[in-house]
Amino acid sequence: MVQRKEALEKTCEVSGCREPAVRSISIKKAKASGLSLEGDRGNVHLCKEHYKEFKRSTREDRKLQRLGW
């Protein structure tokens, strides 16, 4: 069981960051927010700090999407 948990632990995929990942988002959304990413798969894993940065940069877009524009 311990091996499975270790296999699931991911690191942040932003260039130069090796913090443990806490969230994953689609690569299209991450690149649109301006993060410099190492991969080009369907989803990328982000650490706590880079996820905060992603949320700050997409705040206005998410607000408009909720309003139905």
N, C-alpha and C. Protein backbone atom coordinates (compact mmCIF):
# COMPACT_ATOMS: atom_id res chain seq x y z
N MET A 1 0.82 -1.19 0.00
CA MET A 1 0.00 0.00 0.00
C MET A 1 0.87 1.25 0.00
N VAL A 2 1.98 1.24 0.68
CA VAL A 2 2.86 2.40 0.75
C VAL A 2 3.43 2.71 -0.63
N GLN A 3 3.75 1.69 -1.39
CA GLN A 3 4.30 1.91 -2.73
C GLN A 3 3.31 2.67 -3.60
N ARG A 4 2.05 2.35 -3.51
CA ARG A 4 1.04 3.03 -4.32
C ARG A 4 0.95 4.50 -3.96
N LYS A 5 1.00 4.84 -2.69
CA LYS A 5 0.93 6.23 -2.27
C LYS A 5 2.14 7.00 -2.78
N GLU A 6 3.32 6.42 -2.69
CA GLU A 6 4.51 7.08 -3.18
C GLU A 6 4.45 7.27 -4.69
N ALA A 7 3.86 6.33 -5.40
CA ALA A 7 3.75 6.45 -6.85
C ALA A 7 2.80 7.57 -7.25
N LEU A 8 1.81 7.87 -6.41
CA LEU A 8 0.85 8.92 -6.73
C LEU A 8 1.37 10.32 -6.41
N GLU A 9 2.39 10.42 -5.59
CA GLU A 9 2.92 11.73 -5.23
C GLU A 9 3.64 12.33 -6.43
N LYS A 10 3.21 13.52 -6.82
CA LYS A 10 3.75 14.20 -7.99
C LYS A 10 4.46 15.48 -7.56
N THR A 11 5.30 16.00 -8.45
CA THR A 11 5.95 17.27 -8.20
C THR A 11 5.41 18.31 -9.16
N CYS A 12 5.60 19.56 -8.83
CA CYS A 12 5.13 20.67 -9.65
C CYS A 12 5.83 20.64 -11.00
N GLU A 13 5.09 20.90 -12.07
CA GLU A 13 5.64 20.81 -13.41
C GLU A 13 6.01 22.17 -14.01
N VAL A 14 6.07 23.21 -13.18
CA VAL A 14 6.54 24.50 -13.63
C VAL A 14 8.07 24.43 -13.68
N SER A 15 8.65 25.02 -14.71
CA SER A 15 10.11 24.97 -14.89
C SER A 15 10.84 25.47 -13.65
N GLY A 16 11.75 24.64 -13.14
CA GLY A 16 12.57 25.02 -12.01
C GLY A 16 11.96 24.77 -10.64
N CYS A 17 10.74 24.31 -10.56
CA CYS A 17 10.08 24.07 -9.27
C CYS A 17 10.03 22.57 -8.99
N ARG A 18 10.37 22.18 -7.78
CA ARG A 18 10.34 20.77 -7.40
C ARG A 18 9.52 20.54 -6.13
N GLU A 19 8.58 21.43 -5.86
CA GLU A 19 7.70 21.29 -4.70
C GLU A 19 6.66 20.20 -4.96
N PRO A 20 6.10 19.60 -3.93
CA PRO A 20 5.05 18.59 -4.13
C PRO A 20 3.78 19.24 -4.71
N ALA A 21 3.16 18.55 -5.64
CA ALA A 21 1.96 19.06 -6.29
C ALA A 21 0.74 18.87 -5.41
N VAL A 22 -0.16 19.84 -5.44
CA VAL A 22 -1.40 19.73 -4.67
C VAL A 22 -2.62 19.73 -5.57
N ARG A 23 -2.52 20.27 -6.80
CA ARG A 23 -3.64 20.34 -7.72
C ARG A 23 -3.17 20.01 -9.13
N SER A 24 -4.10 19.61 -9.97
CA SER A 24 -3.80 19.45 -11.38
C SER A 24 -4.86 20.17 -12.20
N ILE A 25 -4.43 20.81 -13.28
CA ILE A 25 -5.33 21.54 -14.16
C ILE A 25 -4.96 21.22 -15.60
N SER A 26 -5.82 21.60 -16.53
CA SER A 26 -5.53 21.32 -17.94
C SER A 26 -4.38 22.20 -18.40
N ILE A 27 -3.62 21.68 -19.33
CA ILE A 27 -2.45 22.41 -19.80
C ILE A 27 -2.84 23.66 -20.57
N LYS A 28 -3.99 23.64 -21.24
CA LYS A 28 -4.44 24.82 -21.97
C LYS A 28 -4.69 25.99 -21.04
N LYS A 29 -5.35 25.72 -19.91
CA LYS A 29 -5.61 26.78 -18.94
C LYS A 29 -4.32 27.29 -18.31
N ALA A 30 -3.40 26.37 -18.03
CA ALA A 30 -2.14 26.75 -17.39
C ALA A 30 -1.29 27.61 -18.33
N LYS A 31 -1.22 27.24 -19.60
CA LYS A 31 -0.43 28.03 -20.54
C LYS A 31 -1.07 29.39 -20.80
N ALA A 32 -2.40 29.45 -20.78
CA ALA A 32 -3.09 30.72 -20.99
C ALA A 32 -2.82 31.69 -19.83
N SER A 33 -2.53 31.16 -18.66
CA SER A 33 -2.25 32.02 -17.50
C SER A 33 -0.82 32.51 -17.48
N GLY A 34 0.04 31.99 -18.35
CA GLY A 34 1.40 32.49 -18.45
C GLY A 34 2.44 31.69 -17.67
N LEU A 35 2.10 30.54 -17.15
CA LEU A 35 3.07 29.73 -16.43
C LEU A 35 4.02 29.06 -17.42
N SER A 36 5.30 28.98 -17.07
CA SER A 36 6.26 28.30 -17.94
C SER A 36 6.31 26.83 -17.53
N LEU A 37 5.81 25.98 -18.39
CA LEU A 37 5.64 24.56 -18.07
C LEU A 37 6.66 23.69 -18.77
N GLU A 38 6.94 22.54 -18.16
CA GLU A 38 7.88 21.59 -18.73
C GLU A 38 7.21 20.60 -19.67
N GLY A 39 5.98 20.23 -19.41
CA GLY A 39 5.31 19.20 -20.20
C GLY A 39 4.32 19.76 -21.19
N ASP A 40 3.77 18.87 -22.01
CA ASP A 40 2.71 19.27 -22.92
C ASP A 40 1.65 18.18 -23.03
N ARG A 41 1.35 17.55 -21.90
CA ARG A 41 0.31 16.53 -21.82
C ARG A 41 -1.04 17.18 -21.58
N GLY A 42 -2.03 16.37 -21.27
CA GLY A 42 -3.38 16.85 -21.03
C GLY A 42 -3.54 17.63 -19.74
N ASN A 43 -2.89 17.19 -18.67
CA ASN A 43 -2.99 17.86 -17.37
C ASN A 43 -1.60 18.14 -16.83
N VAL A 44 -1.48 19.20 -16.05
CA VAL A 44 -0.22 19.51 -15.38
C VAL A 44 -0.47 19.60 -13.89
N HIS A 45 0.53 19.28 -13.12
CA HIS A 45 0.43 19.32 -11.66
C HIS A 45 1.12 20.59 -11.17
N LEU A 46 0.46 21.26 -10.22
CA LEU A 46 0.98 22.51 -9.67
C LEU A 46 1.11 22.43 -8.16
N CYS A 47 2.15 23.08 -7.64
CA CYS A 47 2.32 23.17 -6.19
C CYS A 47 1.39 24.27 -5.67
N LYS A 48 1.39 24.45 -4.38
CA LYS A 48 0.48 25.41 -3.76
C LYS A 48 0.74 26.84 -4.25
N GLU A 49 1.98 27.25 -4.33
CA GLU A 49 2.32 28.61 -4.74
C GLU A 49 1.97 28.88 -6.19
N HIS A 50 2.26 27.94 -7.08
CA HIS A 50 1.95 28.15 -8.49
C HIS A 50 0.44 28.04 -8.76
N TYR A 51 -0.26 27.25 -7.96
CA TYR A 51 -1.72 27.22 -8.10
C TYR A 51 -2.32 28.56 -7.70
N LYS A 52 -1.77 29.19 -6.64
CA LYS A 52 -2.23 30.53 -6.24
C LYS A 52 -1.99 31.53 -7.37
N GLU A 53 -0.81 31.44 -7.98
CA GLU A 53 -0.48 32.33 -9.09
C GLU A 53 -1.45 32.12 -10.26
N PHE A 54 -1.77 30.86 -10.55
CA PHE A 54 -2.73 30.55 -11.60
C PHE A 54 -4.09 31.16 -11.29
N LYS A 55 -4.54 31.00 -10.05
CA LYS A 55 -5.85 31.55 -9.67
C LYS A 55 -5.87 33.06 -9.76
N ARG A 56 -4.78 33.73 -9.37
CA ARG A 56 -4.72 35.19 -9.45
C ARG A 56 -4.80 35.65 -10.90
N SER A 57 -4.10 34.96 -11.79
CA SER A 57 -4.05 35.41 -13.19
C SER A 57 -5.33 35.12 -13.95
N THR A 58 -6.14 34.17 -13.47
CA THR A 58 -7.38 33.82 -14.17
C THR A 58 -8.62 34.31 -13.43
N ARG A 59 -8.44 35.15 -12.44
CA ARG A 59 -9.56 35.60 -11.61
C ARG A 59 -10.65 36.28 -12.43
N GLU A 60 -10.27 37.21 -13.30
CA GLU A 60 -11.25 37.95 -14.09
C GLU A 60 -12.00 37.03 -15.07
N ASP A 61 -11.29 36.12 -15.70
CA ASP A 61 -11.93 35.17 -16.63
C ASP A 61 -12.96 34.30 -15.91
N ARG A 62 -12.59 33.81 -14.74
CA ARG A 62 -13.51 32.96 -13.99
C ARG A 62 -14.74 33.75 -13.53
N LYS A 63 -14.53 35.02 -13.16
CA LYS A 63 -15.64 35.87 -12.74
C LYS A 63 -16.62 36.08 -13.88
N LEU A 64 -16.13 36.37 -15.08
CA LEU A 64 -16.98 36.56 -16.24
C LEU A 64 -17.71 35.27 -16.63
N GLN A 65 -17.04 34.16 -16.48
CA GLN A 65 -17.66 32.87 -16.80
C GLN A 65 -18.82 32.57 -15.86
N ARG A 66 -18.68 32.92 -14.59
CA ARG A 66 -19.76 32.70 -13.64
C ARG A 66 -20.97 33.59 -13.93
N LEU A 67 -20.72 34.78 -14.47
CA LEU A 67 -21.80 35.71 -14.77
C LEU A 67 -22.57 35.30 -16.04
N GLY A 68 -22.00 34.42 -16.82
CA GLY A 68 -22.69 33.95 -18.01
C GLY A 68 -22.43 34.77 -19.24
N TRP A 69 -21.36 35.50 -19.28
CA TRP A 69 -21.03 36.31 -20.44
C TRP A 69 -20.49 35.48 -21.53
